[in-house]
Protein backbone atom coordinates (compact mmCIF):
# COMPACT_ATOMS: atom_id res chain seq x y z
CA MET A 1 2.48 1.32 -32.52
CA PHE A 2 5.40 -0.22 -34.71
CA GLY A 3 8.91 0.22 -33.13
CA GLY A 4 7.90 2.91 -30.82
CA VAL A 5 6.10 4.54 -33.73
CA PRO A 6 2.07 5.30 -33.60
CA PHE A 7 0.53 3.95 -36.41
CA PRO A 8 -1.30 6.85 -39.18
CA VAL A 9 -4.88 6.83 -38.64
CA LEU A 10 -6.23 4.99 -41.57
CA GLN A 11 -9.23 5.79 -43.19
CA LYS A 12 -11.99 2.88 -44.46
CA THR A 13 -12.07 2.51 -48.48
CA ASN A 14 -15.48 2.82 -50.35
CA ARG A 15 -15.94 0.26 -52.62
CA THR A 16 -16.36 1.26 -56.25
CA THR A 17 -20.10 2.00 -57.29
CA LEU A 18 -21.14 0.11 -60.39
CA VAL A 19 -21.06 3.08 -62.01
CA GLU A 20 -17.50 3.72 -61.22
CA GLN A 21 -16.64 0.58 -62.36
CA VAL A 22 -18.35 0.73 -66.07
CA ALA A 23 -16.91 4.26 -66.20
CA LEU A 24 -13.24 3.41 -65.79
CA GLN A 25 -13.87 0.41 -68.50
CA PHE A 26 -14.90 2.84 -71.27
CA GLN A 27 -12.02 5.14 -69.82
CA ALA A 28 -9.86 2.06 -70.12
CA LEU A 29 -10.96 1.81 -74.01
CA ILE A 30 -10.62 5.23 -74.99
CA GLU A 31 -7.10 5.61 -73.75
CA SER A 32 -6.15 2.48 -75.46
CA GLY A 33 -7.29 3.29 -78.23
CA LYS A 34 -9.83 0.33 -79.12
CA TRP A 35 -12.52 3.76 -78.69
CA ALA A 36 -10.40 5.95 -81.17
CA VAL A 37 -10.78 10.36 -81.33
CA GLY A 38 -13.42 11.00 -83.27
CA SER A 39 -15.20 7.32 -83.43
CA ARG A 40 -18.92 6.88 -82.33
CA ILE A 41 -19.17 4.34 -79.28
CA PRO A 42 -21.51 1.42 -79.15
CA ALA A 43 -25.29 2.41 -78.03
CA GLU A 44 -26.50 2.48 -75.20
CA PRO A 45 -28.81 -0.78 -75.43
CA GLU A 46 -25.54 -2.85 -76.86
CA LEU A 47 -23.42 -1.23 -73.88
CA VAL A 48 -25.61 -3.01 -71.51
CA ALA A 49 -26.23 -5.90 -73.26
CA GLU A 50 -22.81 -6.33 -73.46
CA LEU A 51 -22.17 -5.61 -69.70
CA GLY A 52 -25.19 -6.83 -67.92
CA VAL A 53 -26.39 -4.00 -66.36
CA SER A 54 -29.01 -1.36 -65.90
CA ARG A 55 -29.71 1.16 -68.99
CA ASN A 56 -29.25 3.85 -66.27
CA THR A 57 -25.62 2.17 -65.10
CA VAL A 58 -24.49 3.08 -68.88
CA ARG A 59 -26.28 6.32 -68.80
CA GLU A 60 -24.57 7.21 -65.51
CA ALA A 61 -21.27 6.00 -66.43
CA VAL A 62 -21.63 8.07 -70.38
CA ARG A 63 -22.32 11.13 -68.93
CA ALA A 64 -19.66 11.01 -65.81
CA LEU A 65 -17.03 10.73 -68.99
CA VAL A 66 -19.19 13.49 -70.63
CA HIS A 67 -18.43 15.36 -67.50
CA ALA A 68 -14.77 15.11 -67.92
CA GLY A 69 -14.37 15.75 -71.58
CA LEU A 70 -13.87 12.79 -73.09
CA LEU A 71 -17.06 11.81 -74.77
CA VAL A 72 -19.54 14.75 -76.16
CA PRO A 73 -22.68 13.52 -77.47
CA LYS A 74 -24.32 15.00 -80.61
CA GLN A 75 -28.14 15.43 -80.96
CA GLY A 76 -29.47 12.51 -82.74
CA ASP A 77 -25.95 10.68 -83.93
CA GLY A 78 -24.85 9.12 -80.39
CA THR A 79 -21.91 9.64 -78.41
CA TYR A 80 -18.34 10.35 -79.65
CA VAL A 81 -15.04 10.13 -78.26
CA SER A 82 -13.37 13.71 -78.31
CA SER A 83 -10.30 13.42 -76.23
CA ALA A 84 -7.74 10.08 -76.02
CA SER A 85 -7.09 11.16 -71.97
CA ILE A 86 -8.32 13.37 -68.99
CA LEU A 87 -4.53 14.56 -69.47
CA GLY A 88 -5.09 15.59 -73.10
CA VAL A 89 -8.55 17.29 -72.06
CA VAL A 90 -7.03 19.76 -69.33
CA LEU A 91 -4.19 20.19 -71.63
CA GLN A 92 -6.77 21.18 -74.00
CA ARG A 93 -8.34 23.85 -71.75
CA ARG A 94 -5.21 24.90 -71.07
CA VAL A 95 -3.94 25.83 -74.16
CA ARG A 96 -7.06 27.38 -75.23
CA GLN A 97 -6.03 30.58 -72.42
CA SER A 98 -2.29 30.41 -73.90
CA SER A 99 -0.87 32.44 -77.29
CA LEU A 100 0.25 30.75 -80.65
CA MET A 101 3.91 32.09 -79.31
CA GLU A 102 3.33 30.17 -76.02
CA THR A 103 2.55 27.11 -77.28
CA LEU A 104 5.11 27.46 -80.46
CA GLU A 105 8.11 27.77 -77.73
CA VAL A 106 6.42 24.50 -75.52
CA ARG A 107 6.37 22.34 -78.86
CA TYR A 108 9.98 23.40 -79.50
CA ALA A 109 11.54 22.32 -75.68
CA LEU A 110 9.49 19.07 -76.59
CA GLU A 111 11.16 18.24 -80.42
CA HIS A 112 14.15 19.85 -79.21
CA GLU A 113 14.94 16.84 -76.60
CA ALA A 114 12.75 14.50 -78.84
CA ALA A 115 15.54 15.12 -81.93
CA ARG A 116 18.41 14.99 -79.78
CA LEU A 117 17.11 11.27 -77.90
CA ALA A 118 15.86 10.22 -81.40
CA ALA A 119 19.30 10.88 -82.98
CA ILE A 120 20.33 8.32 -80.18
CA ARG A 121 18.53 5.70 -79.86
CA ARG A 122 16.53 5.08 -83.88
CA THR A 123 16.13 1.97 -84.91
CA GLN A 124 15.62 0.85 -88.72
CA GLU A 125 12.01 0.81 -88.05
CA ASP A 126 11.94 3.80 -87.16
CA VAL A 127 13.84 5.62 -89.60
CA ASP A 128 11.50 3.86 -92.38
CA ALA A 129 8.45 5.38 -90.41
CA MET A 130 9.99 8.95 -90.80
CA LEU A 131 11.05 8.71 -94.39
CA LEU A 132 7.41 7.68 -95.42
CA TYR A 133 5.97 10.50 -93.71
CA LEU A 134 9.04 12.88 -95.00
CA ASP A 135 8.36 11.74 -98.72
CA THR A 136 4.32 12.27 -98.43
CA CYS A 137 5.03 15.77 -97.15
CA GLU A 138 7.51 16.46 -99.95
CA GLN A 139 4.44 14.90 -102.46
CA ALA A 140 1.64 16.67 -100.60
CA ALA A 141 3.79 20.23 -100.98
CA LYS A 142 4.44 19.68 -104.78
CA ALA A 143 0.20 19.13 -105.52
CA LYS A 144 -0.23 22.19 -102.60
CA ASP A 145 -2.35 19.93 -100.77
CA THR A 146 -2.08 21.31 -97.43
CA LYS A 147 -4.66 19.33 -95.68
CA THR A 148 -2.65 15.97 -96.56
CA TYR A 149 0.65 17.93 -96.06
CA VAL A 150 -0.51 19.14 -92.43
CA GLU A 151 -1.30 15.69 -91.49
CA ALA A 152 1.55 13.99 -92.86
CA ASP A 153 3.91 16.60 -90.73
CA ILE A 154 2.41 15.49 -87.37
CA ARG A 155 2.95 11.91 -88.65
CA LEU A 156 6.20 12.91 -89.18
CA HIS A 157 7.45 14.49 -85.70
CA GLN A 158 5.21 11.99 -84.04
CA ALA A 159 7.33 9.29 -86.00
CA ILE A 160 10.72 11.32 -84.04
CA VAL A 161 9.09 11.22 -81.12
CA ASP A 162 8.39 7.29 -81.03
CA ALA A 163 11.93 6.62 -81.84
CA THR A 164 12.99 8.23 -79.01
CA HIS A 165 11.81 4.98 -77.21
CA ASN A 166 10.77 6.54 -73.89
CA SER A 167 7.13 5.83 -73.37
CA LEU A 168 6.17 8.27 -71.15
CA PHE A 169 7.31 11.33 -73.42
CA ILE A 170 5.65 9.22 -76.04
CA GLU A 171 2.24 10.03 -74.17
CA LEU A 172 2.89 13.07 -73.13
CA TYR A 173 3.53 14.32 -76.77
CA GLU A 174 0.36 12.63 -78.08
CA GLN A 175 -1.57 14.56 -75.12
CA MET A 176 0.25 17.55 -76.30
CA THR A 177 -0.12 17.77 -80.09
CA GLU A 178 -3.89 17.07 -79.47
CA ALA A 179 -4.43 19.96 -77.46
CA LEU A 180 -2.15 21.84 -79.41
CA GLN A 181 -3.51 20.68 -83.00
CA GLU A 182 -5.45 24.00 -84.11
CA SER A 183 -1.82 25.80 -83.16
CA VAL A 184 -0.13 22.93 -85.00
CA ASN A 185 -2.59 23.38 -88.27
CA HIS A 186 -2.04 26.87 -88.24
CA LEU A 187 1.96 27.12 -88.39
CA THR A 188 2.20 24.92 -90.64
CA GLU A 189 -0.15 25.67 -92.92
CA MET A 190 1.89 28.92 -92.99
CA ILE A 191 4.90 27.05 -94.42
CA CYS A 192 3.02 24.26 -96.39
CA CYS A 193 4.76 24.84 -99.70
CA ALA A 194 7.71 26.63 -98.77
CA SER A 195 10.85 24.66 -100.00
CA PHE A 196 13.12 26.12 -96.47
CA HIS A 197 10.70 24.06 -94.59
CA GLN A 198 10.77 21.12 -97.05
CA SER A 199 15.00 21.36 -96.74
CA VAL A 200 14.74 21.36 -92.82
CA HIS A 201 12.58 18.60 -92.59
CA ARG A 202 15.08 16.54 -95.01
CA ASP A 203 18.21 17.77 -92.92
CA LEU A 204 16.12 16.91 -89.91
CA VAL A 205 15.62 12.94 -90.79
CA GLU A 206 18.83 13.29 -92.24
CA ALA A 207 20.88 14.09 -88.91
CA ILE A 208 18.30 11.21 -87.02
CA MET A 209 19.32 8.63 -89.90
CA GLU A 210 23.16 9.79 -89.09
CA GLN A 211 23.05 9.64 -85.26
CA ASP A 212 24.22 13.22 -85.07
CA PRO A 213 22.18 14.66 -82.15
CA ALA A 214 23.48 18.20 -82.85
CA LYS A 215 22.74 18.45 -86.38
CA ALA A 216 19.48 16.73 -85.32
CA THR A 217 18.70 19.98 -83.12
CA ASN A 218 20.13 22.57 -84.98
CA ALA A 219 17.21 21.63 -87.68
CA VAL A 220 14.94 22.12 -85.23
CA GLN A 221 15.94 25.33 -84.40
CA ARG A 222 16.11 26.15 -87.78
CA TYR A 223 12.71 25.43 -88.31
CA MET A 224 11.46 27.15 -84.85
CA ASP A 225 12.99 29.80 -85.85
CA HIS A 226 11.44 30.01 -89.52
CA PHE A 227 7.72 29.50 -87.56
CA ARG A 228 8.85 32.48 -85.01
CA GLU A 229 9.42 34.74 -88.25
CA GLU A 230 6.00 33.68 -89.76
CA LEU A 231 4.17 34.83 -86.67
CA LYS A 232 5.93 38.00 -86.54
CA LYS A 233 4.44 39.03 -90.10
CA GLU A 234 0.81 38.42 -88.89
């Protein structure tokens, strides 16, 4: 009893197994970016030697993360990082069940608020990053280099989200971007060389530089409306 109130019934905690400890270490390396998405993790013998555990322990830990969707084995080539977090895996699975218009609406909601916050909180370092990616987008568009354009476009929007200086927002957007990668690529490829899209990008960055939230969110509204119109044509 405590102050006349009975204590709740507590259950004994289970000790974390060695496999779970190793799996958590691997997961931390993935989520920190030390094991980047697309990279091959160290070979099993190397992990065994570094951790000082059995081969079977390492194997079971890797298998657990494969099941979770963070790792993917490639026959004869090792094991690769397939997602940056468990959240990213869950979002990817959910996005596959959604239409392109649904993913566009989610992207709009995130980028609308990101633009507003970025216009209020951006630093000169944030602006420099945006201008760099904006210039890369414009150069790629002139060269009709779709691959470079798509990559720079994604980096530009990530730089805008970074300028919110909200760690939770940044992490959520990173995971959403990974989950929406295919649809983002598809949408961006449709307007890669459109002068309208370049103009709106420029207006968005300038609005953030001027710390004008209304102008920034208006720019997001304009390019999302343009995306919607392009989707209707398909």
